Amino acid sequence: MSSPAETTPPNFNAADAKHWLAFGFGAGLSPMAPGTVGTLVGVVLYLVLSMLPAALYTLVVVGLFAVGVWAVGTVAEQIGADDPPSIVWDEVVGFLVAMMAAPAGIMWIITGFLLFRAFDIVKPWPIASFESRFKGSLGIMLDDVMAGAYTWLVLHVIWMMVDASLRGAGAH
């Protein structure tokens, strides 16, 4: 059953750039699975940013995180909720963290997407503690960055295993 916060339409202010950012350019307005829809915005942004050199990609993601801390905190306060489901910028940035220096190809994007959503939903230790330990916008953003870091680690381990397997298969 949905809580009232999930069924009540968010107080989206289309005239405020902070709202556009915090709501993931409108993805957070999705009536179903706004976090997943927000992550899809992250996929689109990743496709553009993946063309950058790794150092510049990282710098952009750090900037998007910093701007997100400001926008998410302000909008969450205006809405009057700790971490409303409609705020999805944290998913966007978390996915971008997950895909840092990821191998190229649609298979890796899909794998990263699925892993990120799983870690974001399940919130294994210590991800769940970040939201309670860090209050406000920093907590909102950090739990998804941690889910992104977990995804990054698992994705790169899989990549190394696939690469080693392919190199081993070619040696025979």
Protein backbone atom coordinates (compact mmCIF):
# COMPACT_ATOMS: atom_id res chain seq x y z
CA MET A 1 0.00 0.00 0.00
CA SER A 2 1.28 3.47 -0.84
CA SER A 3 1.89 6.05 1.83
CA PRO A 4 0.14 9.41 1.49
CA ALA A 5 3.44 11.05 0.46
CA GLU A 6 3.67 8.67 -2.50
CA THR A 7 0.11 9.28 -3.70
CA THR A 8 -0.02 13.05 -3.19
CA PRO A 9 1.19 14.98 -6.23
CA PRO A 10 4.43 16.80 -5.39
CA ASN A 11 4.57 20.57 -5.21
CA PHE A 12 6.42 20.99 -8.49
CA ASN A 13 7.16 24.60 -9.44
CA ALA A 14 7.79 24.66 -13.19
CA ALA A 15 9.12 28.23 -12.94
CA ASP A 16 11.95 27.20 -10.57
CA ALA A 17 15.14 25.70 -12.02
CA LYS A 18 15.87 23.95 -8.69
CA HIS A 19 12.64 21.99 -9.08
CA TRP A 20 13.54 20.94 -12.62
CA LEU A 21 16.87 19.66 -11.38
CA ALA A 22 15.63 17.97 -8.19
CA PHE A 23 12.77 16.32 -10.09
CA GLY A 24 15.20 15.03 -12.73
CA PHE A 25 13.82 17.26 -15.51
CA GLY A 26 10.32 15.99 -14.69
CA ALA A 27 11.11 12.28 -14.27
CA GLY A 28 10.19 12.48 -10.59
CA LEU A 29 6.64 13.38 -11.60
CA SER A 30 6.13 9.84 -12.90
CA PRO A 31 3.19 8.28 -11.03
CA MET A 32 4.95 4.91 -11.02
CA ALA A 33 8.58 4.14 -10.13
CA PRO A 34 9.93 7.72 -10.20
CA GLY A 35 13.35 6.47 -9.04
CA THR A 36 13.59 4.13 -12.00
CA VAL A 37 12.44 6.84 -14.38
CA GLY A 38 15.00 9.19 -12.81
CA THR A 39 17.70 6.58 -13.39
CA LEU A 40 16.68 6.50 -17.06
CA VAL A 41 17.42 10.23 -17.15
CA GLY A 42 20.81 9.27 -15.76
CA VAL A 43 21.25 6.83 -18.65
CA VAL A 44 20.56 9.57 -21.21
CA LEU A 45 22.94 11.95 -19.44
CA TYR A 46 25.55 9.18 -19.25
CA LEU A 47 25.33 8.63 -23.02
CA VAL A 48 26.27 12.28 -23.53
CA LEU A 49 28.91 12.49 -20.78
CA SER A 50 30.55 9.17 -21.66
CA MET A 51 32.18 10.89 -24.63
CA LEU A 52 34.26 13.01 -22.23
CA PRO A 53 37.72 12.03 -21.00
CA ALA A 54 37.51 10.21 -17.63
CA ALA A 55 38.92 13.14 -15.62
CA LEU A 56 36.45 15.61 -17.11
CA TYR A 57 33.57 13.12 -16.66
CA THR A 58 34.49 12.83 -12.98
CA LEU A 59 34.70 16.60 -12.58
CA VAL A 60 31.26 17.04 -14.16
CA VAL A 61 29.76 14.36 -11.88
CA VAL A 62 31.26 16.05 -8.82
CA GLY A 63 29.73 19.33 -10.00
CA LEU A 64 26.33 17.69 -10.58
CA PHE A 65 26.54 16.21 -7.07
CA ALA A 66 27.33 19.61 -5.53
CA VAL A 67 24.53 21.36 -7.41
CA GLY A 68 22.25 18.46 -6.49
CA VAL A 69 22.97 18.82 -2.77
CA TRP A 70 21.84 22.44 -3.00
CA ALA A 71 18.78 21.86 -5.22
CA VAL A 72 17.56 18.67 -3.54
CA GLY A 73 17.85 20.18 -0.07
CA THR A 74 16.01 23.34 -1.01
CA VAL A 75 13.20 21.51 -2.82
CA ALA A 76 12.79 18.83 -0.13
CA GLU A 77 12.46 21.59 2.44
CA GLN A 78 9.88 23.41 0.28
CA ILE A 79 7.90 20.18 -0.14
CA GLY A 80 8.18 19.48 3.57
CA ALA A 81 9.50 15.93 3.28
CA ASP A 82 12.79 14.27 4.22
CA ASP A 83 13.28 12.29 0.99
CA PRO A 84 10.22 12.53 -1.25
CA PRO A 85 10.07 9.88 -4.02
CA SER A 86 9.58 12.67 -6.57
CA ILE A 87 13.10 13.98 -5.95
CA VAL A 88 15.21 11.84 -8.28
CA TRP A 89 18.36 13.88 -8.92
CA ASP A 90 20.09 11.58 -6.44
CA GLU A 91 19.33 8.62 -8.74
CA VAL A 92 20.65 10.52 -11.75
CA VAL A 93 23.96 11.31 -10.03
CA GLY A 94 24.17 7.85 -8.44
CA PHE A 95 23.90 6.21 -11.85
CA LEU A 96 26.58 8.52 -13.24
CA VAL A 97 28.87 7.44 -10.39
CA ALA A 98 28.10 3.80 -11.20
CA MET A 99 29.15 4.27 -14.81
CA MET A 100 32.47 6.08 -14.24
CA ALA A 101 35.05 4.52 -16.58
CA ALA A 102 32.58 1.76 -17.46
CA PRO A 103 33.21 -0.44 -20.47
CA ALA A 104 31.51 0.71 -23.65
CA GLY A 105 28.40 -0.98 -24.95
CA ILE A 106 24.70 -1.30 -24.35
CA MET A 107 25.18 -4.54 -22.39
CA TRP A 108 27.24 -2.66 -19.80
CA ILE A 109 24.72 0.19 -19.58
CA ILE A 110 21.88 -2.27 -18.99
CA THR A 111 23.94 -4.19 -16.44
CA GLY A 112 24.87 -0.95 -14.67
CA PHE A 113 21.24 0.17 -14.69
CA LEU A 114 19.98 -3.10 -13.20
CA LEU A 115 22.73 -3.27 -10.58
CA PHE A 116 22.22 0.35 -9.58
CA ARG A 117 18.47 -0.04 -9.20
CA ALA A 118 19.00 -3.19 -7.11
CA PHE A 119 21.51 -1.51 -4.79
CA ASP A 120 19.37 1.63 -4.56
CA ILE A 121 16.25 -0.36 -3.63
CA VAL A 122 17.82 -2.97 -1.32
CA LYS A 123 20.32 -0.53 0.26
CA PRO A 124 22.82 -3.06 1.66
CA TRP A 125 25.07 -2.04 4.54
CA PRO A 126 26.18 0.71 4.97
CA ILE A 127 24.05 2.46 2.31
CA ALA A 128 20.91 2.62 4.47
CA SER A 129 22.82 4.31 7.30
CA PHE A 130 23.91 7.26 5.13
CA GLU A 131 20.45 8.77 4.99
CA SER A 132 20.04 8.57 8.76
CA ARG A 133 23.62 9.59 9.58
CA PHE A 134 23.65 12.58 7.23
CA LYS A 135 20.47 14.60 7.49
CA GLY A 136 18.89 16.61 4.69
CA SER A 137 20.17 16.87 1.16
CA LEU A 138 23.56 15.32 1.87
CA GLY A 139 21.88 12.16 3.18
CA ILE A 140 19.50 12.07 0.22
CA MET A 141 22.39 12.32 -2.22
CA LEU A 142 24.95 10.13 -0.43
CA ASP A 143 22.89 6.94 -0.21
CA ASP A 144 22.53 6.95 -4.00
CA VAL A 145 26.19 7.81 -4.51
CA MET A 146 27.02 4.80 -2.33
CA ALA A 147 24.64 2.62 -4.39
CA GLY A 148 26.52 3.95 -7.42
CA ALA A 149 29.87 3.05 -5.84
CA TYR A 150 28.67 -0.50 -5.10
CA THR A 151 27.45 -0.77 -8.69
CA TRP A 152 30.78 0.57 -9.99
CA LEU A 153 32.68 -2.06 -8.00
CA VAL A 154 30.50 -5.00 -9.07
CA LEU A 155 30.38 -3.81 -12.69
CA HIS A 156 34.17 -3.57 -12.85
CA VAL A 157 34.63 -6.99 -11.24
CA ILE A 158 32.28 -8.47 -13.85
CA TRP A 159 34.18 -6.61 -16.58
CA MET A 160 37.51 -8.03 -15.34
CA MET A 161 36.05 -11.55 -15.21
CA VAL A 162 34.62 -11.27 -18.73
CA ASP A 163 37.88 -9.82 -20.03
CA ALA A 164 39.94 -12.58 -18.38
CA SER A 165 37.55 -15.22 -19.70
CA LEU A 166 37.78 -13.87 -23.24
CA ARG A 167 41.57 -13.69 -23.08
CA GLY A 168 41.66 -17.25 -21.74
CA ALA A 169 39.31 -18.50 -24.43
CA GLY A 170 41.54 -16.99 -27.13
CA ALA A 171 44.62 -18.77 -25.80
CA HIS A 172 43.34 -22.23 -26.66
